[in-house]
Amino acid sequence: MPEVSRFFGIVIRMYFDEHLPPHFHAIYAGREVQIGIDPIQILEGKLPHRAISMVIEWAALHQRELLNNWERLRRDQQAVKIEPLE
């Protein structure tokens, strides 16, 4: 479960053997949410409002990189780190 980014206590991970649609996991304060990449949307789970807002903003800024990482992982390649939200 590669960590692709971390910011403000939020950990962003993408898993090697995930199901469609392309998505990532955001973990914060013991909670986890799955976020679809295209379109960017909550698929499952909950985070506090402020945390989910930051995750959505970050995903919008890095959507292409997220999709590239999804494809890399599907081809058994390593994910590339993505810049955190600042």
C-alpha atoms as a PDB file:
ATOM      1  CA  MET A   1       0.000   0.000   0.000  1.00  0.00           C
ATOM      2  CA  PRO A   2       2.231   2.782  -1.260  1.00  0.00           C
ATOM      3  CA  GLU A   3       1.957   6.165   0.360  1.00  0.00           C
ATOM      4  CA  VAL A   4       1.892   8.722  -2.447  1.00  0.00           C
ATOM      5  CA  SER A   5       1.495  11.875  -0.348  1.00  0.00           C
ATOM      6  CA  ARG A   6       1.059  13.226   3.170  1.00  0.00           C
ATOM      7  CA  PHE A   7      -0.141  16.642   4.314  1.00  0.00           C
ATOM      8  CA  PHE A   8      -1.704  18.122   7.466  1.00  0.00           C
ATOM      9  CA  GLY A   9      -1.875  14.664   9.055  1.00  0.00           C
ATOM     10  CA  ILE A  10      -3.687  13.164   6.050  1.00  0.00           C
ATOM     11  CA  VAL A  11      -2.065  10.134   4.418  1.00  0.00           C
ATOM     12  CA  ILE A  12      -2.827   9.387   0.758  1.00  0.00           C
ATOM     13  CA  ARG A  13      -2.360   5.789  -0.351  1.00  0.00           C
ATOM     14  CA  MET A  14      -2.957   3.791  -3.485  1.00  0.00           C
ATOM     15  CA  TYR A  15      -3.083   0.004  -3.402  1.00  0.00           C
ATOM     16  CA  PHE A  16      -1.549  -2.465  -5.886  1.00  0.00           C
ATOM     17  CA  ASP A  17      -4.516  -4.753  -6.420  1.00  0.00           C
ATOM     18  CA  GLU A  18      -7.480  -2.395  -6.314  1.00  0.00           C
ATOM     19  CA  HIS A  19     -10.791  -2.636  -8.094  1.00  0.00           C
ATOM     20  CA  LEU A  20     -12.163  -0.129 -10.572  1.00  0.00           C
ATOM     21  CA  PRO A  21     -12.931   2.762 -10.758  1.00  0.00           C
ATOM     22  CA  PRO A  22      -9.537   4.453 -10.356  1.00  0.00           C
ATOM     23  CA  HIS A  23      -9.358   5.811  -6.819  1.00  0.00           C
ATOM     24  CA  PHE A  24      -7.141   6.471  -3.824  1.00  0.00           C
ATOM     25  CA  HIS A  25      -7.507   6.225  -0.069  1.00  0.00           C
ATOM     26  CA  ALA A  26      -7.175   9.148   2.337  1.00  0.00           C
ATOM     27  CA  ILE A  27      -6.585   8.287   5.994  1.00  0.00           C
ATOM     28  CA  TYR A  28      -6.941  10.812   8.793  1.00  0.00           C
ATOM     29  CA  ALA A  29      -7.531  10.491  12.544  1.00  0.00           C
ATOM     30  CA  GLY A  30      -8.297   6.785  12.320  1.00  0.00           C
ATOM     31  CA  ARG A  31     -10.843   7.257   9.525  1.00  0.00           C
ATOM     32  CA  GLU A  32     -10.560   6.360   5.867  1.00  0.00           C
ATOM     33  CA  VAL A  33     -12.282   7.481   2.695  1.00  0.00           C
ATOM     34  CA  GLN A  34     -12.006   6.265  -0.898  1.00  0.00           C
ATOM     35  CA  ILE A  35     -11.948   9.050  -3.497  1.00  0.00           C
ATOM     36  CA  GLY A  36     -12.606   8.459  -7.183  1.00  0.00           C
ATOM     37  CA  ILE A  37     -10.078  10.145  -9.453  1.00  0.00           C
ATOM     38  CA  ASP A  38     -12.096  10.842 -12.612  1.00  0.00           C
ATOM     39  CA  PRO A  39     -14.468  12.268 -11.675  1.00  0.00           C
ATOM     40  CA  ILE A  40     -13.193  13.330  -8.262  1.00  0.00           C
ATOM     41  CA  GLN A  41     -15.848  12.117  -5.853  1.00  0.00           C
ATOM     42  CA  ILE A  42     -16.266  10.346  -2.543  1.00  0.00           C
ATOM     43  CA  LEU A  43     -16.842   6.652  -3.181  1.00  0.00           C
ATOM     44  CA  GLU A  44     -16.941   5.335   0.365  1.00  0.00           C
ATOM     45  CA  GLY A  45     -16.143   6.398   3.908  1.00  0.00           C
ATOM     46  CA  LYS A  46     -16.044   9.657   5.835  1.00  0.00           C
ATOM     47  CA  LEU A  47     -13.545  12.205   7.044  1.00  0.00           C
ATOM     48  CA  PRO A  48     -14.113  15.434   8.955  1.00  0.00           C
ATOM     49  CA  HIS A  49     -15.337  18.216   6.653  1.00  0.00           C
ATOM     50  CA  ARG A  50     -12.099  20.226   6.779  1.00  0.00           C
ATOM     51  CA  ALA A  51      -9.990  17.162   5.972  1.00  0.00           C
ATOM     52  CA  ILE A  52     -12.191  16.048   3.070  1.00  0.00           C
ATOM     53  CA  SER A  53     -12.115  19.588   1.652  1.00  0.00           C
ATOM     54  CA  MET A  54      -8.315  19.514   1.633  1.00  0.00           C
ATOM     55  CA  VAL A  55      -8.238  16.055   0.048  1.00  0.00           C
ATOM     56  CA  ILE A  56     -10.620  17.127  -2.736  1.00  0.00           C
ATOM     57  CA  GLU A  57      -8.602  20.308  -3.370  1.00  0.00           C
ATOM     58  CA  TRP A  58      -5.367  18.297  -3.496  1.00  0.00           C
ATOM     59  CA  ALA A  59      -6.895  15.700  -5.839  1.00  0.00           C
ATOM     60  CA  ALA A  60      -8.071  18.421  -8.235  1.00  0.00           C
ATOM     61  CA  LEU A  61      -4.544  19.856  -8.363  1.00  0.00           C
ATOM     62  CA  HIS A  62      -2.975  16.430  -8.989  1.00  0.00           C
ATOM     63  CA  GLN A  63      -5.629  14.530 -10.934  1.00  0.00           C
ATOM     64  CA  ARG A  64      -3.335  13.674 -13.871  1.00  0.00           C
ATOM     65  CA  GLU A  65      -0.590  12.431 -11.518  1.00  0.00           C
ATOM     66  CA  LEU A  66      -3.117  10.303  -9.641  1.00  0.00           C
ATOM     67  CA  LEU A  67      -4.330   8.708 -12.869  1.00  0.00           C
ATOM     68  CA  ASN A  68      -0.730   8.082 -13.919  1.00  0.00           C
ATOM     69  CA  ASN A  69      -0.021   6.393 -10.583  1.00  0.00           C
ATOM     70  CA  TRP A  70      -3.157   4.262 -10.940  1.00  0.00           C
ATOM     71  CA  GLU A  71      -1.892   3.033 -14.314  1.00  0.00           C
ATOM     72  CA  ARG A  72       1.632   2.452 -12.953  1.00  0.00           C
ATOM     73  CA  LEU A  73       0.296   0.306 -10.122  1.00  0.00           C
ATOM     74  CA  ARG A  74      -1.918  -1.678 -12.495  1.00  0.00           C
ATOM     75  CA  ARG A  75       1.262  -2.484 -14.502  1.00  0.00           C
ATOM     76  CA  ASP A  76       3.094  -3.595 -11.320  1.00  0.00           C
ATOM     77  CA  GLN A  77       5.273  -0.480 -11.299  1.00  0.00           C
ATOM     78  CA  GLN A  78       6.021   1.711  -8.300  1.00  0.00           C
ATOM     79  CA  ALA A  79       3.840   4.712  -7.571  1.00  0.00           C
ATOM     80  CA  VAL A  80       5.475   8.120  -7.811  1.00  0.00           C
ATOM     81  CA  LYS A  81       5.301  10.515  -4.853  1.00  0.00           C
ATOM     82  CA  ILE A  82       2.993  13.507  -5.357  1.00  0.00           C
ATOM     83  CA  GLU A  83       3.604  16.930  -3.843  1.00  0.00           C
ATOM     84  CA  PRO A  84       1.550  17.612  -0.702  1.00  0.00           C
ATOM     85  CA  LEU A  85      -1.019  20.355  -0.301  1.00  0.00           C
ATOM     86  CA  GLU A  86       0.603  23.457   1.128  1.00  0.00           C
END
